C-alpha atoms as a PDB file:
ATOM      1  CA  MET A   1       4.785  12.356 -83.129  1.00  0.00           C
ATOM      2  CA  ASN A   2       1.372  13.760 -82.505  1.00  0.00           C
ATOM      3  CA  THR A   3       2.018  16.310 -80.158  1.00  0.00           C
ATOM      4  CA  ALA A   4      -2.114  15.777 -78.969  1.00  0.00           C
ATOM      5  CA  SER A   5      -2.575  15.069 -75.336  1.00  0.00           C
ATOM      6  CA  LYS A   6      -3.831  11.644 -74.958  1.00  0.00           C
ATOM      7  CA  GLU A   7      -4.594  10.005 -71.448  1.00  0.00           C
ATOM      8  CA  GLN A   8      -4.272   6.461 -70.630  1.00  0.00           C
ATOM      9  CA  ARG A   9      -6.067   4.655 -67.693  1.00  0.00           C
ATOM     10  CA  LEU A  10      -4.042   2.372 -66.075  1.00  0.00           C
ATOM     11  CA  THR A  11      -5.211  -1.004 -64.365  1.00  0.00           C
ATOM     12  CA  THR A  12      -2.508  -3.074 -64.721  1.00  0.00           C
ATOM     13  CA  PRO A  13       1.596  -2.901 -64.473  1.00  0.00           C
ATOM     14  CA  GLY A  14       1.926  -3.809 -67.677  1.00  0.00           C
ATOM     15  CA  GLN A  15       0.267  -1.093 -69.334  1.00  0.00           C
ATOM     16  CA  VAL A  16       2.718   1.075 -67.587  1.00  0.00           C
ATOM     17  CA  ALA A  17       5.691  -0.897 -69.076  1.00  0.00           C
ATOM     18  CA  ASP A  18       3.800  -0.697 -72.516  1.00  0.00           C
ATOM     19  CA  ILE A  19       3.337   3.191 -72.407  1.00  0.00           C
ATOM     20  CA  LEU A  20       6.512   3.552 -71.206  1.00  0.00           C
ATOM     21  CA  ARG A  21       8.062   1.562 -74.150  1.00  0.00           C
ATOM     22  CA  LYS A  22       5.919   3.048 -76.923  1.00  0.00           C
ATOM     23  CA  ARG A  23       6.653   6.321 -75.944  1.00  0.00           C
ATOM     24  CA  ARG A  24      10.542   6.046 -75.318  1.00  0.00           C
ATOM     25  CA  LYS A  25      10.527   4.307 -79.002  1.00  0.00           C
ATOM     26  CA  ALA A  26       8.289   7.108 -80.399  1.00  0.00           C
ATOM     27  CA  LYS A  27      10.797   9.615 -79.140  1.00  0.00           C
ATOM     28  CA  GLY A  28      13.675   7.577 -80.679  1.00  0.00           C
ATOM     29  CA  LEU A  29      15.566   6.781 -77.429  1.00  0.00           C
ATOM     30  CA  SER A  30      17.220   3.584 -76.851  1.00  0.00           C
ATOM     31  CA  GLN A  31      17.246   1.802 -73.432  1.00  0.00           C
ATOM     32  CA  THR A  32      20.934   3.041 -73.120  1.00  0.00           C
ATOM     33  CA  ASP A  33      19.809   6.775 -73.702  1.00  0.00           C
ATOM     34  CA  VAL A  34      17.044   6.443 -71.164  1.00  0.00           C
ATOM     35  CA  ALA A  35      19.166   4.496 -68.531  1.00  0.00           C
ATOM     36  CA  PHE A  36      22.409   6.962 -68.789  1.00  0.00           C
ATOM     37  CA  LYS A  37      20.001  10.190 -68.612  1.00  0.00           C
ATOM     38  CA  LEU A  38      18.630   7.997 -65.302  1.00  0.00           C
ATOM     39  CA  GLY A  39      21.788   7.048 -64.301  1.00  0.00           C
ATOM     40  CA  VAL A  40      21.079   3.473 -64.201  1.00  0.00           C
ATOM     41  CA  SER A  41      22.112   0.493 -66.067  1.00  0.00           C
ATOM     42  CA  GLN A  42      20.603  -0.222 -69.177  1.00  0.00           C
ATOM     43  CA  ALA A  43      19.832  -3.842 -67.896  1.00  0.00           C
ATOM     44  CA  ARG A  44      17.613  -1.795 -65.333  1.00  0.00           C
ATOM     45  CA  VAL A  45      15.428   0.019 -67.918  1.00  0.00           C
ATOM     46  CA  SER A  46      15.348  -3.346 -69.503  1.00  0.00           C
ATOM     47  CA  ALA A  47      13.810  -4.846 -66.731  1.00  0.00           C
ATOM     48  CA  ILE A  48      11.478  -1.812 -65.436  1.00  0.00           C
ATOM     49  CA  GLU A  49       9.990  -2.464 -69.328  1.00  0.00           C
ATOM     50  CA  SER A  50       9.484  -6.412 -68.736  1.00  0.00           C
ATOM     51  CA  ALA A  51       8.768  -6.339 -64.981  1.00  0.00           C
ATOM     52  CA  PRO A  52       7.065  -3.206 -64.214  1.00  0.00           C
ATOM     53  CA  ALA A  53       5.910  -4.280 -60.992  1.00  0.00           C
ATOM     54  CA  SER A  54       9.366  -3.201 -59.284  1.00  0.00           C
ATOM     55  CA  LEU A  55       8.932   0.291 -60.467  1.00  0.00           C
ATOM     56  CA  THR A  56       9.056   2.614 -57.633  1.00  0.00           C
ATOM     57  CA  LEU A  57       6.814   5.722 -57.721  1.00  0.00           C
ATOM     58  CA  GLU A  58       9.938   7.947 -57.597  1.00  0.00           C
ATOM     59  CA  ARG A  59      11.534   5.876 -60.526  1.00  0.00           C
ATOM     60  CA  LEU A  60       8.123   6.272 -62.548  1.00  0.00           C
ATOM     61  CA  ILE A  61       8.214   9.934 -61.932  1.00  0.00           C
ATOM     62  CA  ALA A  62      11.668  10.307 -63.303  1.00  0.00           C
ATOM     63  CA  ILE A  63      11.067   8.404 -66.315  1.00  0.00           C
ATOM     64  CA  ALA A  64       8.019  10.046 -67.054  1.00  0.00           C
ATOM     65  CA  ASN A  65       9.756  13.304 -66.808  1.00  0.00           C
ATOM     66  CA  LEU A  66      12.333  12.183 -69.310  1.00  0.00           C
ATOM     67  CA  LEU A  67       9.635  11.066 -71.694  1.00  0.00           C
ATOM     68  CA  ASP A  68       7.752  14.431 -71.493  1.00  0.00           C
ATOM     69  CA  LEU A  69       4.705  12.579 -69.591  1.00  0.00           C
ATOM     70  CA  GLU A  70       3.326  13.362 -66.427  1.00  0.00           C
ATOM     71  CA  VAL A  71       1.601  11.136 -63.906  1.00  0.00           C
ATOM     72  CA  VAL A  72      -1.716  12.237 -62.441  1.00  0.00           C
ATOM     73  CA  LEU A  73      -4.139  10.808 -59.943  1.00  0.00           C
ATOM     74  CA  ARG A  74      -7.677  11.962 -59.934  1.00  0.00           C
ATOM     75  CA  ASP A  75     -11.007  11.098 -58.910  1.00  0.00           C
ATOM     76  CA  ARG A  76     -12.514   8.058 -60.587  1.00  0.00           C
ATOM     77  CA  PRO A  77     -16.165   8.557 -62.400  1.00  0.00           C
ATOM     78  CA  ARG A  78     -18.719   7.208 -60.343  1.00  0.00           C
ATOM     79  CA  LYS A  79     -20.192   4.035 -61.888  1.00  0.00           C
ATOM     80  CA  THR A  80     -23.723   4.205 -62.924  1.00  0.00           C
ATOM     81  CA  ALA A  81     -26.360   1.578 -61.938  1.00  0.00           C
ATOM     82  CA  THR A  82     -27.662  -0.459 -64.691  1.00  0.00           C
ATOM     83  CA  ALA A  83     -31.046  -1.374 -64.725  1.00  0.00           C
ATOM     84  CA  ALA A  84     -31.375  -5.386 -63.760  1.00  0.00           C
ATOM     85  CA  TRP A  85     -32.607  -7.958 -66.122  1.00  0.00           C
END
């Protein structure tokens, strides 16, 4: 796996699920492995990956830590005005 830092902007819960699933697979972990380390059922991990809108911030941070990710909030760059036609 590439160890270079890769930043990803999130705009939907589905993006969170996709990032977590891809990272879990890249690390060679099954849903069962993640579930065991988090102390939840495999079904719960599956639910998080298929319906991430129910994911709590606490659980997101726990999963991110487990997968060597971090959750960062920062100011969004201001949009520059574009010329009107």
